[in-house]
Amino acid sequence: MIVKMKQVANELGFGMGSVLAIVVVALMLLFVPLMMGPVAPPSPSLILVFPIVLLFVFLYLHFTSK
């Protein structure tokens, strides 16, 4: 039965590494804000950095997938 589950997980593209990554991200989302001090809103230039980085990541993934 466990072998069958591993085969299904491999066919679907997720395994123990993916589950571990989701658990780590969930724990970070829960506990990292508790360690943060008071925060200020981001500057306009920092707000523009995120879409630019996402654009380059999208273009990189687009051109390398061909």
PDB file of N, CA and C in Angstrom:
ATOM      1  N   MET A   1       0.824  -1.195   0.000  1.00  0.00           N
ATOM      2  CA  MET A   1       0.000   0.000   0.000  1.00  0.00           C
ATOM      3  C   MET A   1       0.865   1.255   0.000  1.00  0.00           C
ATOM      4  N   ILE A   2       1.946   1.254   0.802  1.00  0.00           N
ATOM      5  CA  ILE A   2       2.821   2.420   0.854  1.00  0.00           C
ATOM      6  C   ILE A   2       3.533   2.621  -0.478  1.00  0.00           C
ATOM      7  N   VAL A   3       3.919   1.516  -1.108  1.00  0.00           N
ATOM      8  CA  VAL A   3       4.576   1.603  -2.416  1.00  0.00           C
ATOM      9  C   VAL A   3       3.620   2.214  -3.421  1.00  0.00           C
ATOM     10  N   LYS A   4       2.339   1.828  -3.369  1.00  0.00           N
ATOM     11  CA  LYS A   4       1.333   2.378  -4.283  1.00  0.00           C
ATOM     12  C   LYS A   4       1.179   3.876  -4.053  1.00  0.00           C
ATOM     13  N   MET A   5       1.180   4.316  -2.790  1.00  0.00           N
ATOM     14  CA  MET A   5       1.049   5.738  -2.482  1.00  0.00           C
ATOM     15  C   MET A   5       2.253   6.502  -3.010  1.00  0.00           C
ATOM     16  N   LYS A   6       3.453   5.930  -2.906  1.00  0.00           N
ATOM     17  CA  LYS A   6       4.649   6.592  -3.420  1.00  0.00           C
ATOM     18  C   LYS A   6       4.594   6.714  -4.934  1.00  0.00           C
ATOM     19  N   GLN A   7       4.073   5.689  -5.605  1.00  0.00           N
ATOM     20  CA  GLN A   7       3.954   5.754  -7.056  1.00  0.00           C
ATOM     21  C   GLN A   7       2.970   6.843  -7.465  1.00  0.00           C
ATOM     22  N   VAL A   8       1.841   6.941  -6.769  1.00  0.00           N
ATOM     23  CA  VAL A   8       0.851   7.964  -7.078  1.00  0.00           C
ATOM     24  C   VAL A   8       1.434   9.346  -6.817  1.00  0.00           C
ATOM     25  N   ALA A   9       2.169   9.504  -5.708  1.00  0.00           N
ATOM     26  CA  ALA A   9       2.776  10.790  -5.384  1.00  0.00           C
ATOM     27  C   ALA A   9       3.797  11.186  -6.446  1.00  0.00           C
ATOM     28  N   ASN A  10       4.593  10.244  -6.925  1.00  0.00           N
ATOM     29  CA  ASN A  10       5.574  10.547  -7.953  1.00  0.00           C
ATOM     30  C   ASN A  10       4.905  10.900  -9.271  1.00  0.00           C
ATOM     31  N   GLU A  11       3.793  10.234  -9.592  1.00  0.00           N
ATOM     32  CA  GLU A  11       3.079  10.541 -10.828  1.00  0.00           C
ATOM     33  C   GLU A  11       2.449  11.920 -10.782  1.00  0.00           C
ATOM     34  N   LEU A  12       1.982  12.325  -9.611  1.00  0.00           N
ATOM     35  CA  LEU A  12       1.338  13.627  -9.484  1.00  0.00           C
ATOM     36  C   LEU A  12       2.344  14.762  -9.299  1.00  0.00           C
ATOM     37  N   GLY A  13       3.587  14.441  -9.015  1.00  0.00           N
ATOM     38  CA  GLY A  13       4.615  15.463  -8.914  1.00  0.00           C
ATOM     39  C   GLY A  13       4.855  15.997  -7.527  1.00  0.00           C
ATOM     40  N   PHE A  14       4.341  15.357  -6.510  1.00  0.00           N
ATOM     41  CA  PHE A  14       4.643  15.798  -5.150  1.00  0.00           C
ATOM     42  C   PHE A  14       5.061  14.599  -4.330  1.00  0.00           C
ATOM     43  N   GLY A  15       5.871  14.879  -3.334  1.00  0.00           N
ATOM     44  CA  GLY A  15       6.352  13.818  -2.468  1.00  0.00           C
ATOM     45  C   GLY A  15       6.598  14.381  -1.085  1.00  0.00           C
ATOM     46  N   MET A  16       7.461  13.722  -0.341  1.00  0.00           N
ATOM     47  CA  MET A  16       7.732  14.171   1.026  1.00  0.00           C
ATOM     48  C   MET A  16       8.409  15.537   1.049  1.00  0.00           C
ATOM     49  N   GLY A  17       9.231  15.827   0.050  1.00  0.00           N
ATOM     50  CA  GLY A  17       9.880  17.134   0.001  1.00  0.00           C
ATOM     51  C   GLY A  17       8.876  18.259  -0.153  1.00  0.00           C
ATOM     52  N   SER A  18       7.870  18.052  -0.989  1.00  0.00           N
ATOM     53  CA  SER A  18       6.834  19.061  -1.187  1.00  0.00           C
ATOM     54  C   SER A  18       6.002  19.259   0.071  1.00  0.00           C
ATOM     55  N   VAL A  19       5.666  18.162   0.724  1.00  0.00           N
ATOM     56  CA  VAL A  19       4.887  18.257   1.960  1.00  0.00           C
ATOM     57  C   VAL A  19       5.695  18.971   3.033  1.00  0.00           C
ATOM     58  N   LEU A  20       6.973  18.662   3.134  1.00  0.00           N
ATOM     59  CA  LEU A  20       7.834  19.318   4.111  1.00  0.00           C
ATOM     60  C   LEU A  20       7.946  20.813   3.824  1.00  0.00           C
ATOM     61  N   ALA A  21       8.062  21.189   2.551  1.00  0.00           N
ATOM     62  CA  ALA A  21       8.148  22.601   2.188  1.00  0.00           C
ATOM     63  C   ALA A  21       6.874  23.348   2.577  1.00  0.00           C
ATOM     64  N   ILE A  22       5.717  22.737   2.371  1.00  0.00           N
ATOM     65  CA  ILE A  22       4.449  23.376   2.736  1.00  0.00           C
ATOM     66  C   ILE A  22       4.357  23.554   4.247  1.00  0.00           C
ATOM     67  N   VAL A  23       4.789  22.552   4.999  1.00  0.00           N
ATOM     68  CA  VAL A  23       4.749  22.642   6.466  1.00  0.00           C
ATOM     69  C   VAL A  23       5.688  23.739   6.961  1.00  0.00           C
ATOM     70  N   VAL A  24       6.884  23.832   6.385  1.00  0.00           N
ATOM     71  CA  VAL A  24       7.842  24.859   6.799  1.00  0.00           C
ATOM     72  C   VAL A  24       7.295  26.254   6.503  1.00  0.00           C
ATOM     73  N   VAL A  25       6.714  26.446   5.330  1.00  0.00           N
ATOM     74  CA  VAL A  25       6.144  27.760   4.984  1.00  0.00           C
ATOM     75  C   VAL A  25       4.982  28.097   5.917  1.00  0.00           C
ATOM     76  N   ALA A  26       4.138  27.122   6.216  1.00  0.00           N
ATOM     77  CA  ALA A  26       3.014  27.368   7.128  1.00  0.00           C
ATOM     78  C   ALA A  26       3.509  27.757   8.519  1.00  0.00           C
ATOM     79  N   LEU A  27       4.539  27.072   9.011  1.00  0.00           N
ATOM     80  CA  LEU A  27       5.090  27.423  10.323  1.00  0.00           C
ATOM     81  C   LEU A  27       5.707  28.812  10.316  1.00  0.00           C
ATOM     82  N   MET A  28       6.377  29.168   9.207  1.00  0.00           N
ATOM     83  CA  MET A  28       6.947  30.507   9.110  1.00  0.00           C
ATOM     84  C   MET A  28       5.854  31.566   9.106  1.00  0.00           C
ATOM     85  N   LEU A  29       4.761  31.309   8.387  1.00  0.00           N
ATOM     86  CA  LEU A  29       3.655  32.272   8.364  1.00  0.00           C
ATOM     87  C   LEU A  29       3.024  32.440   9.736  1.00  0.00           C
ATOM     88  N   LEU A  30       3.076  31.407  10.548  1.00  0.00           N
ATOM     89  CA  LEU A  30       2.504  31.498  11.884  1.00  0.00           C
ATOM     90  C   LEU A  30       3.417  32.195  12.877  1.00  0.00           C
ATOM     91  N   PHE A  31       4.721  31.907  12.823  1.00  0.00           N
ATOM     92  CA  PHE A  31       5.600  32.337  13.906  1.00  0.00           C
ATOM     93  C   PHE A  31       6.479  33.542  13.594  1.00  0.00           C
ATOM     94  N   VAL A  32       6.797  33.801  12.340  1.00  0.00           N
ATOM     95  CA  VAL A  32       7.661  34.944  12.022  1.00  0.00           C
ATOM     96  C   VAL A  32       7.008  36.274  12.407  1.00  0.00           C
ATOM     97  N   PRO A  33       5.703  36.482  12.167  1.00  0.00           N
ATOM     98  CA  PRO A  33       5.117  37.758  12.604  1.00  0.00           C
ATOM     99  C   PRO A  33       5.186  37.991  14.111  1.00  0.00           C
ATOM    100  N   LEU A  34       5.246  36.920  14.891  1.00  0.00           N
ATOM    101  CA  LEU A  34       5.347  37.094  16.341  1.00  0.00           C
ATOM    102  C   LEU A  34       6.700  37.659  16.756  1.00  0.00           C
ATOM    103  N   MET A  35       7.731  37.472  15.933  1.00  0.00           N
ATOM    104  CA  MET A  35       9.071  37.953  16.261  1.00  0.00           C
ATOM    105  C   MET A  35       9.346  39.345  15.703  1.00  0.00           C
ATOM    106  N   MET A  36       8.423  39.877  14.895  1.00  0.00           N
ATOM    107  CA  MET A  36       8.648  41.172  14.269  1.00  0.00           C
ATOM    108  C   MET A  36       8.278  42.297  15.231  1.00  0.00           C
ATOM    109  N   GLY A  37       8.993  43.375  15.120  1.00  0.00           N
ATOM    110  CA  GLY A  37       8.661  44.564  15.888  1.00  0.00           C
ATOM    111  C   GLY A  37       7.672  45.412  15.111  1.00  0.00           C
ATOM    112  N   PRO A  38       7.523  46.666  15.513  1.00  0.00           N
ATOM    113  CA  PRO A  38       6.629  47.553  14.759  1.00  0.00           C
ATOM    114  C   PRO A  38       7.180  47.781  13.347  1.00  0.00           C
ATOM    115  N   VAL A  39       6.300  47.838  12.380  1.00  0.00           N
ATOM    116  CA  VAL A  39       6.717  47.991  10.992  1.00  0.00           C
ATOM    117  C   VAL A  39       6.144  49.271  10.409  1.00  0.00           C
ATOM    118  N   ALA A  40       6.791  49.758   9.371  1.00  0.00           N
ATOM    119  CA  ALA A  40       6.336  50.952   8.659  1.00  0.00           C
ATOM    120  C   ALA A  40       5.913  50.539   7.251  1.00  0.00           C
ATOM    121  N   PRO A  41       5.061  51.318   6.607  1.00  0.00           N
ATOM    122  CA  PRO A  41       4.675  50.974   5.237  1.00  0.00           C
ATOM    123  C   PRO A  41       5.877  51.073   4.300  1.00  0.00           C
ATOM    124  N   PRO A  42       5.910  50.251   3.253  1.00  0.00           N
ATOM    125  CA  PRO A  42       7.048  50.287   2.332  1.00  0.00           C
ATOM    126  C   PRO A  42       7.057  51.563   1.497  1.00  0.00           C
ATOM    127  N   SER A  43       8.235  51.950   1.088  1.00  0.00           N
ATOM    128  CA  SER A  43       8.362  53.137   0.243  1.00  0.00           C
ATOM    129  C   SER A  43       7.870  52.811  -1.166  1.00  0.00           C
ATOM    130  N   PRO A  44       7.507  53.828  -1.950  1.00  0.00           N
ATOM    131  CA  PRO A  44       7.027  53.574  -3.319  1.00  0.00           C
ATOM    132  C   PRO A  44       8.053  52.848  -4.194  1.00  0.00           C
ATOM    133  N   SER A  45       9.327  53.137  -4.014  1.00  0.00           N
ATOM    134  CA  SER A  45      10.337  52.441  -4.819  1.00  0.00           C
ATOM    135  C   SER A  45      10.406  50.958  -4.469  1.00  0.00           C
ATOM    136  N   LEU A  46      10.222  50.621  -3.205  1.00  0.00           N
ATOM    137  CA  LEU A  46      10.220  49.214  -2.804  1.00  0.00           C
ATOM    138  C   LEU A  46       8.980  48.496  -3.338  1.00  0.00           C
ATOM    139  N   ILE A  47       7.867  49.217  -3.410  1.00  0.00           N
ATOM    140  CA  ILE A  47       6.647  48.622  -3.967  1.00  0.00           C
ATOM    141  C   ILE A  47       6.852  48.283  -5.434  1.00  0.00           C
ATOM    142  N   LEU A  48       7.610  49.081  -6.167  1.00  0.00           N
ATOM    143  CA  LEU A  48       7.856  48.827  -7.582  1.00  0.00           C
ATOM    144  C   LEU A  48       8.832  47.674  -7.814  1.00  0.00           C
ATOM    145  N   VAL A  49       9.624  47.329  -6.814  1.00  0.00           N
ATOM    146  CA  VAL A  49      10.598  46.260  -6.969  1.00  0.00           C
ATOM    147  C   VAL A  49       9.895  44.910  -7.165  1.00  0.00           C
ATOM    148  N   PHE A  50       8.816  44.665  -6.450  1.00  0.00           N
ATOM    149  CA  PHE A  50       8.144  43.364  -6.507  1.00  0.00           C
ATOM    150  C   PHE A  50       7.607  43.030  -7.897  1.00  0.00           C
ATOM    151  N   PRO A  51       6.867  43.924  -8.570  1.00  0.00           N
ATOM    152  CA  PRO A  51       6.410  43.560  -9.919  1.00  0.00           C
ATOM    153  C   PRO A  51       7.553  43.387 -10.917  1.00  0.00           C
ATOM    154  N   ILE A  52       8.621  44.148 -10.750  1.00  0.00           N
ATOM    155  CA  ILE A  52       9.757  44.027 -11.672  1.00  0.00           C
ATOM    156  C   ILE A  52      10.439  42.672 -11.488  1.00  0.00           C
ATOM    157  N   VAL A  53      10.643  42.264 -10.249  1.00  0.00           N
ATOM    158  CA  VAL A  53      11.252  40.959  -9.985  1.00  0.00           C
ATOM    159  C   VAL A  53      10.355  39.843 -10.511  1.00  0.00           C
ATOM    160  N   LEU A  54       9.053  39.956 -10.275  1.00  0.00           N
ATOM    161  CA  LEU A  54       8.127  38.940 -10.779  1.00  0.00           C
ATOM    162  C   LEU A  54       8.129  38.888 -12.297  1.00  0.00           C
ATOM    163  N   LEU A  55       8.262  40.026 -12.950  1.00  0.00           N
ATOM    164  CA  LEU A  55       8.321  40.063 -14.408  1.00  0.00           C
ATOM    165  C   LEU A  55       9.552  39.316 -14.909  1.00  0.00           C
ATOM    166  N   PHE A  56      10.711  39.562 -14.297  1.00  0.00           N
ATOM    167  CA  PHE A  56      11.931  38.871 -14.716  1.00  0.00           C
ATOM    168  C   PHE A  56      11.857  37.370 -14.444  1.00  0.00           C
ATOM    169  N   VAL A  57      11.258  36.982 -13.329  1.00  0.00           N
ATOM    170  CA  VAL A  57      11.096  35.560 -13.042  1.00  0.00           C
ATOM    171  C   VAL A  57      10.179  34.921 -14.086  1.00  0.00           C
ATOM    172  N   PHE A  58       9.083  35.589 -14.416  1.00  0.00           N
ATOM    173  CA  PHE A  58       8.165  35.067 -15.427  1.00  0.00           C
ATOM    174  C   PHE A  58       8.850  34.936 -16.777  1.00  0.00           C
ATOM    175  N   LEU A  59       9.599  35.953 -17.184  1.00  0.00           N
ATOM    176  CA  LEU A  59      10.297  35.890 -18.473  1.00  0.00           C
ATOM    177  C   LEU A  59      11.345  34.782 -18.485  1.00  0.00           C
ATOM    178  N   TYR A  60      12.072  34.647 -17.384  1.00  0.00           N
ATOM    179  CA  TYR A  60      13.072  33.579 -17.296  1.00  0.00           C
ATOM    180  C   TYR A  60      12.416  32.209 -17.439  1.00  0.00           C
ATOM    181  N   LEU A  61      11.333  31.992 -16.706  1.00  0.00           N
ATOM    182  CA  LEU A  61      10.649  30.704 -16.784  1.00  0.00           C
ATOM    183  C   LEU A  61      10.045  30.476 -18.169  1.00  0.00           C
ATOM    184  N   HIS A  62       9.563  31.544 -18.793  1.00  0.00           N
ATOM    185  CA  HIS A  62       8.966  31.423 -20.122  1.00  0.00           C
ATOM    186  C   HIS A  62      10.007  30.999 -21.161  1.00  0.00           C
ATOM    187  N   PHE A  63      11.169  31.658 -21.141  1.00  0.00           N
ATOM    188  CA  PHE A  63      12.176  31.373 -22.162  1.00  0.00           C
ATOM    189  C   PHE A  63      12.930  30.070 -21.904  1.00  0.00           C
ATOM    190  N   THR A  64      13.066  29.671 -20.644  1.00  0.00           N
ATOM    191  CA  THR A  64      13.780  28.423 -20.359  1.00  0.00           C
ATOM    192  C   THR A  64      12.901  27.196 -20.510  1.00  0.00           C
ATOM    193  N   SER A  65      11.594  27.369 -20.617  1.00  0.00           N
ATOM    194  CA  SER A  65      10.719  26.208 -20.747  1.00  0.00           C
ATOM    195  C   SER A  65      10.580  25.746 -22.191  1.00  0.00           C
ATOM    196  N   LYS A  66      11.163  26.477 -23.120  1.00  0.00           N
ATOM    197  CA  LYS A  66      11.049  26.079 -24.529  1.00  0.00           C
ATOM    198  C   LYS A  66      12.177  25.177 -24.946  1.00  0.00           C
TER     199      LYS A  66
END
